[in-house]
N, C-alpha and C. Protein backbone atom coordinates (compact mmCIF):
# COMPACT_ATOMS: atom_id res chain seq x y z
N MET A 1 86.87 62.63 78.91
CA MET A 1 88.27 62.94 79.19
C MET A 1 88.65 64.27 78.48
N THR A 2 89.20 65.22 79.16
CA THR A 2 89.62 66.45 78.50
C THR A 2 90.89 66.31 77.73
N ALA A 3 91.07 67.12 76.67
CA ALA A 3 92.27 67.06 75.91
C ALA A 3 93.38 67.70 76.75
N GLU A 4 94.54 67.02 76.67
CA GLU A 4 95.63 67.61 77.41
C GLU A 4 96.26 68.69 76.65
N LYS A 5 96.69 69.76 77.43
CA LYS A 5 97.37 70.88 76.78
C LYS A 5 98.79 70.51 76.54
N PRO A 6 99.33 70.97 75.41
CA PRO A 6 100.72 70.63 75.13
C PRO A 6 101.67 71.36 76.13
N LEU A 7 102.84 70.73 76.40
CA LEU A 7 103.80 71.40 77.21
C LEU A 7 104.45 72.42 76.39
N PRO A 8 105.10 73.47 77.09
CA PRO A 8 105.85 74.46 76.27
C PRO A 8 106.98 73.84 75.50
N ASP A 9 107.33 74.42 74.32
CA ASP A 9 108.45 73.89 73.61
C ASP A 9 109.75 74.36 74.30
N ALA A 10 110.89 73.87 73.78
CA ALA A 10 112.18 74.19 74.44
C ALA A 10 112.48 75.63 74.43
N ALA A 11 112.10 76.34 73.32
CA ALA A 11 112.36 77.78 73.21
C ALA A 11 111.59 78.56 74.25
N ASN A 12 110.29 78.22 74.45
CA ASN A 12 109.48 78.91 75.49
C ASN A 12 109.96 78.60 76.89
N PHE A 13 110.37 77.36 77.09
CA PHE A 13 110.88 76.99 78.45
C PHE A 13 112.23 77.75 78.69
N ALA A 14 113.09 77.84 77.69
CA ALA A 14 114.30 78.55 77.84
C ALA A 14 114.12 79.99 78.21
N VAL A 15 113.18 80.70 77.53
CA VAL A 15 112.86 82.10 77.88
C VAL A 15 112.38 82.26 79.26
N TRP A 16 111.47 81.36 79.65
CA TRP A 16 110.88 81.41 81.06
C TRP A 16 112.07 81.17 82.06
N ALA A 17 112.93 80.21 81.79
CA ALA A 17 114.01 79.89 82.70
C ALA A 17 114.96 81.11 82.77
N ASP A 18 115.20 81.76 81.64
CA ASP A 18 116.11 82.94 81.69
C ASP A 18 115.45 84.05 82.44
N PHE A 19 114.20 84.21 82.27
CA PHE A 19 113.42 85.24 83.13
C PHE A 19 113.55 84.97 84.62
N VAL A 20 113.41 83.71 85.02
CA VAL A 20 113.44 83.32 86.47
C VAL A 20 114.92 83.62 86.88
N LEU A 21 115.90 83.14 86.13
CA LEU A 21 117.29 83.31 86.51
C LEU A 21 117.66 84.81 86.60
N ALA A 22 117.18 85.58 85.64
CA ALA A 22 117.55 87.04 85.61
C ALA A 22 116.87 87.73 86.78
N HIS A 23 115.63 87.40 87.10
CA HIS A 23 114.97 87.94 88.27
C HIS A 23 115.76 87.58 89.58
N THR A 24 116.22 86.31 89.68
CA THR A 24 116.93 85.93 90.79
C THR A 24 118.30 86.69 90.93
N ARG A 25 118.97 86.90 89.77
CA ARG A 25 120.23 87.63 89.88
C ARG A 25 120.00 89.14 90.27
N VAL A 26 118.93 89.76 89.71
CA VAL A 26 118.70 91.19 90.11
C VAL A 26 118.27 91.26 91.48
N MET A 27 117.38 90.38 92.01
CA MET A 27 116.92 90.43 93.34
C MET A 27 118.06 90.13 94.41
N ARG A 28 119.02 89.26 93.99
CA ARG A 28 120.13 89.09 94.92
C ARG A 28 120.92 90.33 94.98
N ALA A 29 121.15 91.07 93.91
CA ALA A 29 121.88 92.32 93.97
C ALA A 29 121.13 93.29 94.77
N VAL A 30 119.76 93.41 94.67
CA VAL A 30 118.99 94.34 95.41
C VAL A 30 119.16 93.90 96.92
N GLU A 31 118.99 92.71 97.19
CA GLU A 31 119.05 92.20 98.64
C GLU A 31 120.43 92.49 99.28
N ARG A 32 121.50 92.27 98.51
CA ARG A 32 122.86 92.52 98.99
C ARG A 32 123.03 94.05 99.33
N ALA A 33 122.54 94.85 98.40
CA ALA A 33 122.70 96.28 98.58
C ALA A 33 121.86 96.83 99.84
N LEU A 34 120.62 96.26 99.94
CA LEU A 34 119.78 96.70 101.14
C LEU A 34 120.49 96.25 102.38
N LYS A 35 120.96 95.03 102.44
CA LYS A 35 121.57 94.55 103.69
C LYS A 35 122.92 95.31 104.01
N SER A 36 123.66 95.53 103.04
CA SER A 36 124.97 96.21 103.24
C SER A 36 124.88 97.70 103.54
N GLU A 37 123.92 98.37 102.86
CA GLU A 37 123.87 99.81 102.94
C GLU A 37 122.76 100.35 103.84
N GLN A 38 121.68 99.53 104.06
CA GLN A 38 120.53 100.00 104.91
C GLN A 38 120.26 99.09 106.03
N SER A 39 120.93 97.92 106.11
CA SER A 39 120.76 96.96 107.16
C SER A 39 119.31 96.41 107.24
N ILE A 40 118.71 96.29 106.01
CA ILE A 40 117.34 95.68 105.99
C ILE A 40 117.28 94.59 104.89
N THR A 41 116.29 93.74 105.03
CA THR A 41 116.12 92.72 104.00
C THR A 41 115.08 93.23 102.95
N TRP A 42 114.94 92.54 101.88
CA TRP A 42 113.95 92.85 100.91
C TRP A 42 112.51 92.75 101.54
N ALA A 43 112.32 91.76 102.33
CA ALA A 43 110.96 91.66 102.96
C ALA A 43 110.69 92.86 103.87
N GLN A 44 111.74 93.35 104.56
CA GLN A 44 111.48 94.59 105.36
C GLN A 44 111.19 95.79 104.51
N TYR A 45 112.00 95.90 103.40
CA TYR A 45 111.72 96.99 102.46
C TYR A 45 110.34 96.89 101.86
N ASP A 46 109.92 95.67 101.58
CA ASP A 46 108.61 95.42 100.86
C ASP A 46 107.50 95.85 101.82
N LEU A 47 107.61 95.56 103.14
CA LEU A 47 106.65 96.06 104.09
C LEU A 47 106.67 97.55 104.24
N LEU A 48 107.84 98.17 104.27
CA LEU A 48 107.86 99.60 104.35
C LEU A 48 107.22 100.19 103.16
N TYR A 49 107.48 99.69 101.95
CA TYR A 49 106.84 100.17 100.71
C TYR A 49 105.31 100.09 100.86
N ASN A 50 104.80 98.95 101.34
CA ASN A 50 103.36 98.78 101.42
C ASN A 50 102.73 99.62 102.47
N LEU A 51 103.48 99.90 103.57
CA LEU A 51 102.97 100.83 104.55
C LEU A 51 102.93 102.23 104.00
N SER A 52 103.97 102.61 103.15
CA SER A 52 104.00 103.97 102.58
C SER A 52 102.85 104.22 101.62
N THR A 53 102.32 103.20 101.04
CA THR A 53 101.23 103.39 100.03
C THR A 53 99.91 103.04 100.60
N ALA A 54 99.78 102.56 101.74
CA ALA A 54 98.51 102.16 102.40
C ALA A 54 97.78 103.45 102.96
N PRO A 55 96.43 103.38 102.95
CA PRO A 55 95.77 104.44 103.57
C PRO A 55 96.20 104.67 104.97
N SER A 56 96.46 105.95 105.36
CA SER A 56 96.92 106.33 106.69
C SER A 56 98.24 105.69 107.03
N HIS A 57 98.95 105.10 106.08
CA HIS A 57 100.24 104.49 106.23
C HIS A 57 100.20 103.40 107.34
N ALA A 58 99.07 102.58 107.32
CA ALA A 58 98.98 101.60 108.38
C ALA A 58 98.35 100.39 107.80
N LEU A 59 98.70 99.23 108.31
CA LEU A 59 98.11 97.94 107.89
C LEU A 59 98.02 97.06 109.12
N SER A 60 96.99 96.25 109.11
CA SER A 60 96.86 95.19 110.17
C SER A 60 97.87 94.07 109.81
N VAL A 61 98.12 93.25 110.79
CA VAL A 61 99.02 92.03 110.47
C VAL A 61 98.42 91.13 109.46
N SER A 62 97.04 91.00 109.47
CA SER A 62 96.41 90.15 108.47
C SER A 62 96.52 90.85 107.13
N ALA A 63 96.48 92.13 107.02
CA ALA A 63 96.62 92.86 105.73
C ALA A 63 98.12 92.63 105.24
N VAL A 64 99.05 92.70 106.16
CA VAL A 64 100.44 92.55 105.82
C VAL A 64 100.57 91.16 105.22
N SER A 65 99.97 90.17 105.88
CA SER A 65 100.02 88.80 105.38
C SER A 65 99.47 88.66 103.96
N ARG A 66 98.31 89.24 103.67
CA ARG A 66 97.72 89.22 102.37
C ARG A 66 98.56 89.98 101.37
N THR A 67 98.98 91.15 101.74
CA THR A 67 99.76 92.04 100.76
C THR A 67 101.02 91.39 100.39
N LEU A 68 101.73 90.86 101.31
CA LEU A 68 103.10 90.27 101.07
C LEU A 68 103.04 88.80 100.66
N LEU A 69 101.77 88.24 100.66
CA LEU A 69 101.68 86.81 100.39
C LEU A 69 102.44 85.92 101.38
N TYR A 70 102.34 86.30 102.66
CA TYR A 70 103.02 85.59 103.71
C TYR A 70 101.99 84.84 104.55
N SER A 71 102.35 83.75 105.25
CA SER A 71 101.48 83.14 106.21
C SER A 71 101.35 84.17 107.29
N SER A 72 100.33 84.05 108.11
CA SER A 72 100.11 84.96 109.22
C SER A 72 101.27 84.82 110.23
N GLY A 73 101.83 83.71 110.42
CA GLY A 73 103.02 83.56 111.33
C GLY A 73 104.15 84.24 110.77
N SER A 74 104.47 84.12 109.48
CA SER A 74 105.64 84.77 108.96
C SER A 74 105.46 86.28 108.94
N ALA A 75 104.26 86.73 108.67
CA ALA A 75 103.99 88.19 108.72
C ALA A 75 104.22 88.74 110.09
N SER A 76 103.73 88.00 111.11
CA SER A 76 103.92 88.36 112.52
C SER A 76 105.33 88.43 112.91
N ASN A 77 106.14 87.39 112.46
CA ASN A 77 107.57 87.39 112.77
C ASN A 77 108.28 88.56 112.06
N LEU A 78 107.90 88.87 110.82
CA LEU A 78 108.53 90.03 110.12
C LEU A 78 108.22 91.32 110.92
N VAL A 79 106.96 91.55 111.31
CA VAL A 79 106.66 92.73 112.07
C VAL A 79 107.35 92.76 113.38
N THR A 80 107.40 91.65 114.09
CA THR A 80 108.18 91.65 115.38
C THR A 80 109.67 92.02 115.20
N SER A 81 110.31 91.50 114.13
CA SER A 81 111.67 91.87 113.93
C SER A 81 111.85 93.38 113.55
N MET A 82 110.85 93.86 112.84
CA MET A 82 110.98 95.33 112.44
C MET A 82 110.61 96.26 113.65
N VAL A 83 109.75 95.77 114.59
CA VAL A 83 109.48 96.55 115.81
C VAL A 83 110.88 96.59 116.61
N LYS A 84 111.48 95.47 116.68
CA LYS A 84 112.70 95.46 117.44
C LYS A 84 113.76 96.32 116.86
N ALA A 85 113.77 96.36 115.49
CA ALA A 85 114.73 97.19 114.76
C ALA A 85 114.43 98.73 114.83
N GLY A 86 113.19 99.00 115.34
CA GLY A 86 112.78 100.38 115.39
C GLY A 86 112.25 100.96 114.07
N LEU A 87 111.85 100.09 113.12
CA LEU A 87 111.34 100.54 111.82
C LEU A 87 109.84 100.67 111.75
N VAL A 88 109.15 99.96 112.56
CA VAL A 88 107.67 100.00 112.61
C VAL A 88 107.24 99.94 114.07
N GLU A 89 105.96 100.30 114.30
CA GLU A 89 105.42 100.16 115.66
C GLU A 89 103.99 99.64 115.55
N ARG A 90 103.50 99.00 116.58
CA ARG A 90 102.10 98.53 116.74
C ARG A 90 101.36 99.58 117.42
N GLN A 91 100.13 99.83 116.84
CA GLN A 91 99.22 100.81 117.53
C GLN A 91 97.86 100.23 117.39
N ARG A 92 97.08 100.55 118.43
CA ARG A 92 95.60 100.16 118.42
C ARG A 92 94.93 101.06 117.38
N SER A 93 94.05 100.41 116.69
CA SER A 93 93.17 101.12 115.66
C SER A 93 92.26 102.11 116.46
N ALA A 94 92.19 103.35 115.91
CA ALA A 94 91.24 104.39 116.52
C ALA A 94 89.84 103.93 116.27
N THR A 95 89.56 103.22 115.21
CA THR A 95 88.15 102.78 114.85
C THR A 95 87.73 101.52 115.44
N ASP A 96 88.69 100.60 115.69
CA ASP A 96 88.39 99.26 116.18
C ASP A 96 89.48 98.89 117.20
N ARG A 97 89.13 99.10 118.45
CA ARG A 97 90.10 98.97 119.55
C ARG A 97 90.64 97.51 119.65
N ARG A 98 89.97 96.55 118.98
CA ARG A 98 90.51 95.14 119.03
C ARG A 98 91.65 94.98 118.02
N SER A 99 91.69 95.83 117.03
CA SER A 99 92.63 95.72 115.93
C SER A 99 93.94 96.44 116.22
N ILE A 100 94.99 95.77 115.85
CA ILE A 100 96.37 96.40 115.98
C ILE A 100 96.85 96.70 114.55
N LEU A 101 97.28 97.94 114.42
CA LEU A 101 97.82 98.38 113.11
C LEU A 101 99.34 98.58 113.21
N ILE A 102 100.00 98.31 112.09
CA ILE A 102 101.42 98.48 111.96
C ILE A 102 101.65 99.71 111.20
N THR A 103 102.49 100.63 111.77
CA THR A 103 102.80 101.89 111.13
C THR A 103 104.28 102.10 111.16
N PRO A 104 104.83 102.80 110.13
CA PRO A 104 106.30 103.05 110.18
C PRO A 104 106.67 104.11 111.23
N THR A 105 107.76 103.93 111.82
CA THR A 105 108.39 104.91 112.69
C THR A 105 109.09 105.99 111.86
N ALA A 106 109.53 107.00 112.45
CA ALA A 106 110.31 108.04 111.74
C ALA A 106 111.56 107.42 111.16
N SER A 107 112.18 106.51 111.90
CA SER A 107 113.42 105.83 111.41
C SER A 107 112.95 104.93 110.22
N GLY A 108 111.85 104.27 110.34
CA GLY A 108 111.41 103.34 109.21
C GLY A 108 111.12 104.16 107.95
N SER A 109 110.50 105.34 108.12
CA SER A 109 110.22 106.18 106.98
C SER A 109 111.58 106.71 106.34
N SER A 110 112.49 107.15 107.05
CA SER A 110 113.71 107.62 106.52
C SER A 110 114.53 106.45 105.87
N THR A 111 114.52 105.31 106.51
CA THR A 111 115.15 104.10 105.97
C THR A 111 114.56 103.76 104.64
N PHE A 112 113.16 103.80 104.56
CA PHE A 112 112.44 103.50 103.35
C PHE A 112 112.91 104.50 102.21
N LEU A 113 112.93 105.76 102.55
CA LEU A 113 113.29 106.78 101.51
C LEU A 113 114.72 106.45 100.89
N ALA A 114 115.75 106.22 101.86
CA ALA A 114 117.10 105.94 101.48
C ALA A 114 117.14 104.56 100.70
N ALA A 115 116.44 103.62 101.15
CA ALA A 115 116.44 102.28 100.56
C ALA A 115 115.80 102.32 99.15
N THR A 116 114.80 103.14 98.98
CA THR A 116 114.16 103.27 97.66
C THR A 116 115.14 103.87 96.63
N THR A 117 115.87 104.86 97.04
CA THR A 117 116.87 105.42 96.11
C THR A 117 117.89 104.33 95.79
N LEU A 118 118.30 103.56 96.77
CA LEU A 118 119.29 102.43 96.58
C LEU A 118 118.70 101.39 95.62
N VAL A 119 117.51 100.97 95.89
CA VAL A 119 116.83 99.97 95.08
C VAL A 119 116.77 100.44 93.59
N LEU A 120 116.41 101.74 93.35
CA LEU A 120 116.34 102.26 92.07
C LEU A 120 117.67 102.31 91.35
N GLU A 121 118.74 102.60 92.07
CA GLU A 121 120.11 102.57 91.59
C GLU A 121 120.48 101.13 91.13
N VAL A 122 120.19 100.19 91.95
CA VAL A 122 120.57 98.80 91.62
C VAL A 122 119.66 98.30 90.39
N VAL A 123 118.40 98.65 90.39
CA VAL A 123 117.52 98.27 89.22
C VAL A 123 118.15 98.88 88.00
N GLN A 124 118.51 100.15 88.01
CA GLN A 124 119.03 100.81 86.84
C GLN A 124 120.33 100.02 86.37
N ARG A 125 121.23 99.80 87.27
CA ARG A 125 122.51 99.15 86.90
C ARG A 125 122.32 97.71 86.47
N GLU A 126 121.49 96.94 87.22
CA GLU A 126 121.44 95.47 87.01
C GLU A 126 120.33 95.05 85.97
N PHE A 127 119.37 95.97 85.74
CA PHE A 127 118.28 95.59 84.87
C PHE A 127 118.11 96.63 83.70
N ALA A 128 117.76 97.84 84.04
CA ALA A 128 117.35 98.82 83.03
C ALA A 128 118.48 99.05 82.01
N GLU A 129 119.75 99.08 82.43
CA GLU A 129 120.82 99.36 81.51
C GLU A 129 120.97 98.32 80.43
N HIS A 130 120.35 97.14 80.71
CA HIS A 130 120.44 96.00 79.75
C HIS A 130 119.29 95.92 78.79
N LEU A 131 118.30 96.87 78.90
CA LEU A 131 117.08 96.89 78.21
C LEU A 131 117.14 98.11 77.22
N SER A 132 117.16 97.77 75.91
CA SER A 132 117.28 98.89 74.95
C SER A 132 115.88 99.63 74.86
N PRO A 133 115.99 100.81 74.37
CA PRO A 133 114.67 101.58 74.22
C PRO A 133 113.72 100.84 73.32
N ALA A 134 114.19 100.12 72.30
CA ALA A 134 113.28 99.35 71.44
C ALA A 134 112.71 98.11 72.20
N GLU A 135 113.37 97.59 73.12
CA GLU A 135 112.88 96.51 73.92
C GLU A 135 111.85 96.88 75.03
N LEU A 136 112.01 98.05 75.46
CA LEU A 136 111.18 98.53 76.66
C LEU A 136 109.73 98.35 76.52
N GLY A 137 109.17 98.74 75.37
CA GLY A 137 107.70 98.66 75.11
C GLY A 137 107.24 97.25 75.08
N PRO A 138 107.80 96.34 74.20
CA PRO A 138 107.37 95.03 74.10
C PRO A 138 107.64 94.18 75.40
N VAL A 139 108.70 94.38 76.08
CA VAL A 139 108.97 93.66 77.31
C VAL A 139 107.98 94.04 78.39
N GLY A 140 107.73 95.40 78.45
CA GLY A 140 106.82 95.93 79.40
C GLY A 140 105.37 95.43 79.14
N ALA A 141 104.99 95.41 77.87
CA ALA A 141 103.66 94.87 77.51
C ALA A 141 103.52 93.38 77.87
N PHE A 142 104.51 92.58 77.56
CA PHE A 142 104.45 91.23 77.90
C PHE A 142 104.33 90.98 79.40
N LEU A 143 105.24 91.63 80.20
CA LEU A 143 105.11 91.49 81.57
C LEU A 143 103.84 91.98 82.24
N ALA A 144 103.21 93.00 81.67
CA ALA A 144 101.94 93.51 82.21
C ALA A 144 100.85 92.50 81.85
N ARG A 145 100.94 91.79 80.71
CA ARG A 145 99.94 90.74 80.44
C ARG A 145 100.03 89.62 81.38
N VAL A 146 101.22 89.23 81.76
CA VAL A 146 101.41 88.13 82.70
C VAL A 146 100.96 88.58 84.09
N ARG A 147 101.31 89.85 84.52
CA ARG A 147 100.87 90.35 85.82
C ARG A 147 99.36 90.49 85.84
N ASP A 148 98.75 90.83 84.72
CA ASP A 148 97.27 91.07 84.74
C ASP A 148 96.47 89.79 84.97
N GLN A 149 97.13 88.62 84.92
CA GLN A 149 96.43 87.34 85.16
C GLN A 149 96.06 87.19 86.67
N ASP A 150 96.60 88.14 87.46
CA ASP A 150 96.32 88.12 88.90
C ASP A 150 95.74 89.43 89.31
N GLU A 151 94.50 89.53 89.54
CA GLU A 151 93.77 90.77 89.81
C GLU A 151 94.31 91.43 91.16
N SER A 152 94.90 90.68 92.04
CA SER A 152 95.32 91.14 93.34
C SER A 152 96.68 91.90 93.27
N LEU A 153 97.38 91.80 92.15
CA LEU A 153 98.65 92.45 92.07
C LEU A 153 98.55 93.96 91.74
N ARG A 154 99.53 94.74 92.22
CA ARG A 154 99.44 96.21 91.95
C ARG A 154 99.45 96.46 90.50
N ARG A 155 99.03 97.69 90.10
CA ARG A 155 99.01 98.21 88.80
C ARG A 155 99.69 99.59 88.86
N PRO A 156 100.34 99.96 87.74
CA PRO A 156 100.86 101.34 87.77
C PRO A 156 99.84 102.35 87.98
N PRO A 157 100.10 103.53 88.41
CA PRO A 157 101.50 104.01 88.73
C PRO A 157 101.87 103.40 90.06
N TYR A 158 103.16 103.14 90.25
CA TYR A 158 103.68 102.65 91.52
C TYR A 158 104.15 103.85 92.35
N ASP A 159 103.63 104.03 93.50
CA ASP A 159 103.94 105.15 94.34
C ASP A 159 105.35 105.06 95.00
N LEU A 160 106.18 105.98 94.67
CA LEU A 160 107.54 105.95 95.25
C LEU A 160 107.81 107.34 95.83
N PRO A 161 108.67 107.43 96.87
CA PRO A 161 108.87 108.70 97.62
C PRO A 161 109.94 109.50 96.86
N VAL A 162 110.37 109.14 95.69
CA VAL A 162 111.41 109.89 94.91
C VAL A 162 110.75 110.11 93.56
N GLU A 163 111.29 111.19 92.84
CA GLU A 163 110.90 111.48 91.56
C GLU A 163 111.71 110.68 90.55
N LEU A 164 111.06 110.08 89.55
CA LEU A 164 111.74 109.34 88.51
C LEU A 164 111.83 110.27 87.28
N ALA A 165 112.85 110.03 86.45
CA ALA A 165 113.05 110.80 85.24
C ALA A 165 111.90 110.58 84.21
């Protein structure tokens, strides 16, 4: 019989719960802003971001599913809704005629640019303004250690279509 690992203490649980709730609050603010000012959801923004950083700005639906951690059906539904909205289009792959690639339209690219500026404004207001310069390094190091437990997650630098200070 293996030794059981102890459960986190109340202080560790409280910090984790505050992290989850803070993330939820900031993401709700981002989602509200995206819907009201750009008429897109976070999932749509996330797909546009991933397309903007993909080689040739194209992904197959299966790559969309893997990248966004969606089921294939959910990824397909997301793509279909974005095709109807004129944000992305389906194209046959030039190298594999059986494969369909998802690419942003001109409207999708301009929406992504405007939405990125909006997301950064909300992140500044709802998150960064509450993080002191002294906290930035330790909080960033902690979050990087947690992120690094999953090799499939992105690593900096994060490609954005706007210049950051």
